[in-house]
C-alpha atoms as a PDB file:
ATOM      1  CA  MET A   1      -4.375  30.283 -42.375  1.00  0.00           C
ATOM      2  CA  PRO A   2      -2.440  31.643 -39.336  1.00  0.00           C
ATOM      3  CA  GLN A   3      -3.716  30.926 -35.827  1.00  0.00           C
ATOM      4  CA  LEU A   4      -5.701  33.758 -34.248  1.00  0.00           C
ATOM      5  CA  GLN A   5      -3.757  35.532 -31.484  1.00  0.00           C
ATOM      6  CA  ILE A   6      -5.643  36.189 -28.257  1.00  0.00           C
ATOM      7  CA  PRO A   7      -4.877  39.680 -26.921  1.00  0.00           C
ATOM      8  CA  GLY A   8      -2.348  39.531 -24.072  1.00  0.00           C
ATOM      9  CA  THR A   9      -0.756  36.288 -25.226  1.00  0.00           C
ATOM     10  CA  SER A  10       2.536  35.893 -27.015  1.00  0.00           C
ATOM     11  CA  GLY A  11       3.486  33.699 -29.907  1.00  0.00           C
ATOM     12  CA  ARG A  12       4.715  30.149 -29.586  1.00  0.00           C
ATOM     13  CA  ILE A  13       7.707  29.594 -27.294  1.00  0.00           C
ATOM     14  CA  LYS A  14       9.017  26.175 -28.236  1.00  0.00           C
ATOM     15  CA  ALA A  15      11.341  25.836 -25.214  1.00  0.00           C
ATOM     16  CA  LEU A  16       8.412  26.334 -22.806  1.00  0.00           C
ATOM     17  CA  GLU A  17       6.215  23.896 -24.708  1.00  0.00           C
ATOM     18  CA  ASP A  18       9.013  21.298 -24.807  1.00  0.00           C
ATOM     19  CA  LEU A  19       9.666  21.583 -21.072  1.00  0.00           C
ATOM     20  CA  ALA A  20       5.958  21.462 -20.228  1.00  0.00           C
ATOM     21  CA  THR A  21       5.477  18.408 -22.444  1.00  0.00           C
ATOM     22  CA  ALA A  22       8.492  16.684 -20.863  1.00  0.00           C
ATOM     23  CA  LEU A  23       7.077  17.399 -17.400  1.00  0.00           C
ATOM     24  CA  LEU A  24       3.683  15.987 -18.361  1.00  0.00           C
ATOM     25  CA  ASP A  25       5.349  12.861 -19.794  1.00  0.00           C
ATOM     26  CA  LEU A  26       7.348  12.383 -16.593  1.00  0.00           C
ATOM     27  CA  ALA A  27       4.240  12.847 -14.427  1.00  0.00           C
ATOM     28  CA  ASP A  28       2.462  10.219 -16.534  1.00  0.00           C
ATOM     29  CA  LYS A  29       5.365   7.779 -16.083  1.00  0.00           C
ATOM     30  CA  ARG A  30       5.374   8.481 -12.335  1.00  0.00           C
ATOM     31  CA  ALA A  31       1.649   7.698 -12.166  1.00  0.00           C
ATOM     32  CA  HIS A  32       2.254   4.361 -13.912  1.00  0.00           C
ATOM     33  CA  LEU A  33       5.141   3.593 -11.543  1.00  0.00           C
ATOM     34  CA  LYS A  34       2.885   4.353  -8.562  1.00  0.00           C
ATOM     35  CA  VAL A  35       0.338   1.825  -9.830  1.00  0.00           C
ATOM     36  CA  ALA A  36       3.092  -0.788 -10.244  1.00  0.00           C
ATOM     37  CA  GLU A  37       4.454   0.022  -6.767  1.00  0.00           C
ATOM     38  CA  ASP A  38       0.996  -0.367  -5.211  1.00  0.00           C
ATOM     39  CA  GLU A  39       0.497  -3.718  -6.957  1.00  0.00           C
ATOM     40  CA  LEU A  40       3.860  -4.981  -5.656  1.00  0.00           C
ATOM     41  CA  LYS A  41       3.018  -3.808  -2.119  1.00  0.00           C
ATOM     42  CA  ILE A  42      -0.232  -5.800  -2.230  1.00  0.00           C
ATOM     43  CA  LYS A  43       1.642  -8.901  -3.448  1.00  0.00           C
ATOM     44  CA  LEU A  44       4.313  -8.455  -0.765  1.00  0.00           C
ATOM     45  CA  VAL A  45       1.721  -8.130   2.008  1.00  0.00           C
ATOM     46  CA  ALA A  46      -0.029 -11.265   0.718  1.00  0.00           C
ATOM     47  CA  ALA A  47       3.273 -13.173   0.666  1.00  0.00           C
ATOM     48  CA  MET A  48       4.107 -11.978   4.192  1.00  0.00           C
ATOM     49  CA  ARG A  49       0.710 -13.090   5.475  1.00  0.00           C
ATOM     50  CA  LYS A  50       1.036 -16.445   3.714  1.00  0.00           C
ATOM     51  CA  ALA A  51       4.388 -16.923   5.476  1.00  0.00           C
ATOM     52  CA  HIS A  52       2.754 -15.810   8.787  1.00  0.00           C
ATOM     53  CA  LYS A  53       5.205 -12.916   9.129  1.00  0.00           C
ATOM     54  CA  THR A  54       4.649  -9.329  10.189  1.00  0.00           C
ATOM     55  CA  VAL A  55       8.387  -8.560  10.087  1.00  0.00           C
ATOM     56  CA  TYR A  56      11.080 -10.151   7.935  1.00  0.00           C
ATOM     57  CA  VAL A  57      14.760  -9.230   8.364  1.00  0.00           C
ATOM     58  CA  ARG A  58      17.682 -10.775   6.497  1.00  0.00           C
ATOM     59  CA  ASP A  59      21.029  -9.496   5.164  1.00  0.00           C
ATOM     60  CA  GLY A  60      20.144  -5.815   5.582  1.00  0.00           C
ATOM     61  CA  LEU A  61      16.682  -6.206   4.051  1.00  0.00           C
ATOM     62  CA  GLN A  62      13.774  -5.421   6.350  1.00  0.00           C
ATOM     63  CA  VAL A  63      10.098  -5.849   5.497  1.00  0.00           C
ATOM     64  CA  GLU A  64       7.381  -4.895   7.976  1.00  0.00           C
ATOM     65  CA  ILE A  65       3.597  -4.899   7.670  1.00  0.00           C
ATOM     66  CA  VAL A  66       2.217  -1.719   9.228  1.00  0.00           C
ATOM     67  CA  GLU A  67      -1.421  -1.141  10.018  1.00  0.00           C
ATOM     68  CA  ARG A  68      -1.384   2.588   9.242  1.00  0.00           C
ATOM     69  CA  GLY A  69      -0.238   4.608   6.266  1.00  0.00           C
ATOM     70  CA  ALA A  70       1.582   2.434   3.748  1.00  0.00           C
ATOM     71  CA  LEU A  71       0.586  -1.224   3.940  1.00  0.00           C
ATOM     72  CA  VAL A  72       4.172  -2.392   3.972  1.00  0.00           C
ATOM     73  CA  LYS A  73       7.534  -0.831   4.719  1.00  0.00           C
ATOM     74  CA  VAL A  74      10.703  -2.099   3.025  1.00  0.00           C
ATOM     75  CA  LYS A  75      14.238  -1.059   3.927  1.00  0.00           C
ATOM     76  CA  GLY A  76      17.480  -2.173   2.422  1.00  0.00           C
ATOM     77  CA  PRO A  77      21.087  -1.020   2.342  1.00  0.00           C
ATOM     78  CA  LYS A  78      20.317   1.473  -0.460  1.00  0.00           C
ATOM     79  CA  VAL A  79      16.501   1.468  -0.564  1.00  0.00           C
ATOM     80  CA  ASP A  80      13.919   2.909   1.811  1.00  0.00           C
ATOM     81  CA  VAL A  81      10.299   2.590   0.714  1.00  0.00           C
ATOM     82  CA  GLY A  82       7.208   3.328   2.832  1.00  0.00           C
ATOM     83  CA  ASP A  83       6.675   5.619   5.767  1.00  0.00           C
ATOM     84  CA  ASP A  84       9.632   7.069   7.699  1.00  0.00           C
ATOM     85  CA  GLU A  85       8.814   5.676  11.141  1.00  0.00           C
ATOM     86  CA  GLU A  86      11.300   3.255  12.655  1.00  0.00           C
ATOM     87  CA  PRO A  87      10.031  -0.238  13.485  1.00  0.00           C
ATOM     88  CA  ASP A  88       9.589  -1.173  17.143  1.00  0.00           C
ATOM     89  CA  ASP A  89      10.992  -4.693  16.735  1.00  0.00           C
ATOM     90  CA  ASP A  90      13.728  -5.936  14.403  1.00  0.00           C
ATOM     91  CA  GLU A  91      12.964  -9.601  15.124  1.00  0.00           C
ATOM     92  CA  ALA A  92      11.174 -11.790  12.601  1.00  0.00           C
ATOM     93  CA  SER A  93       7.696 -12.801  13.728  1.00  0.00           C
END
């Protein structure tokens, strides 16, 4: 039995459905990545506190615990994760 058409709607457009499904799949993957990122941030903050550090800098890698916004900011030669504010002090604590 054919599906009932609602007035004002068109038939199936496979390209639109495929793109919408791909977008939903990507959004779902992004949500899972966000959870993993948050878990790693918590572990990194715990490791920094265990090492009694608020800032760690070595070989172009910079990790800083910030009290506002993101819990931790990480910068590297090709990676910048966290808020966009520059740190006040590049020295290790």
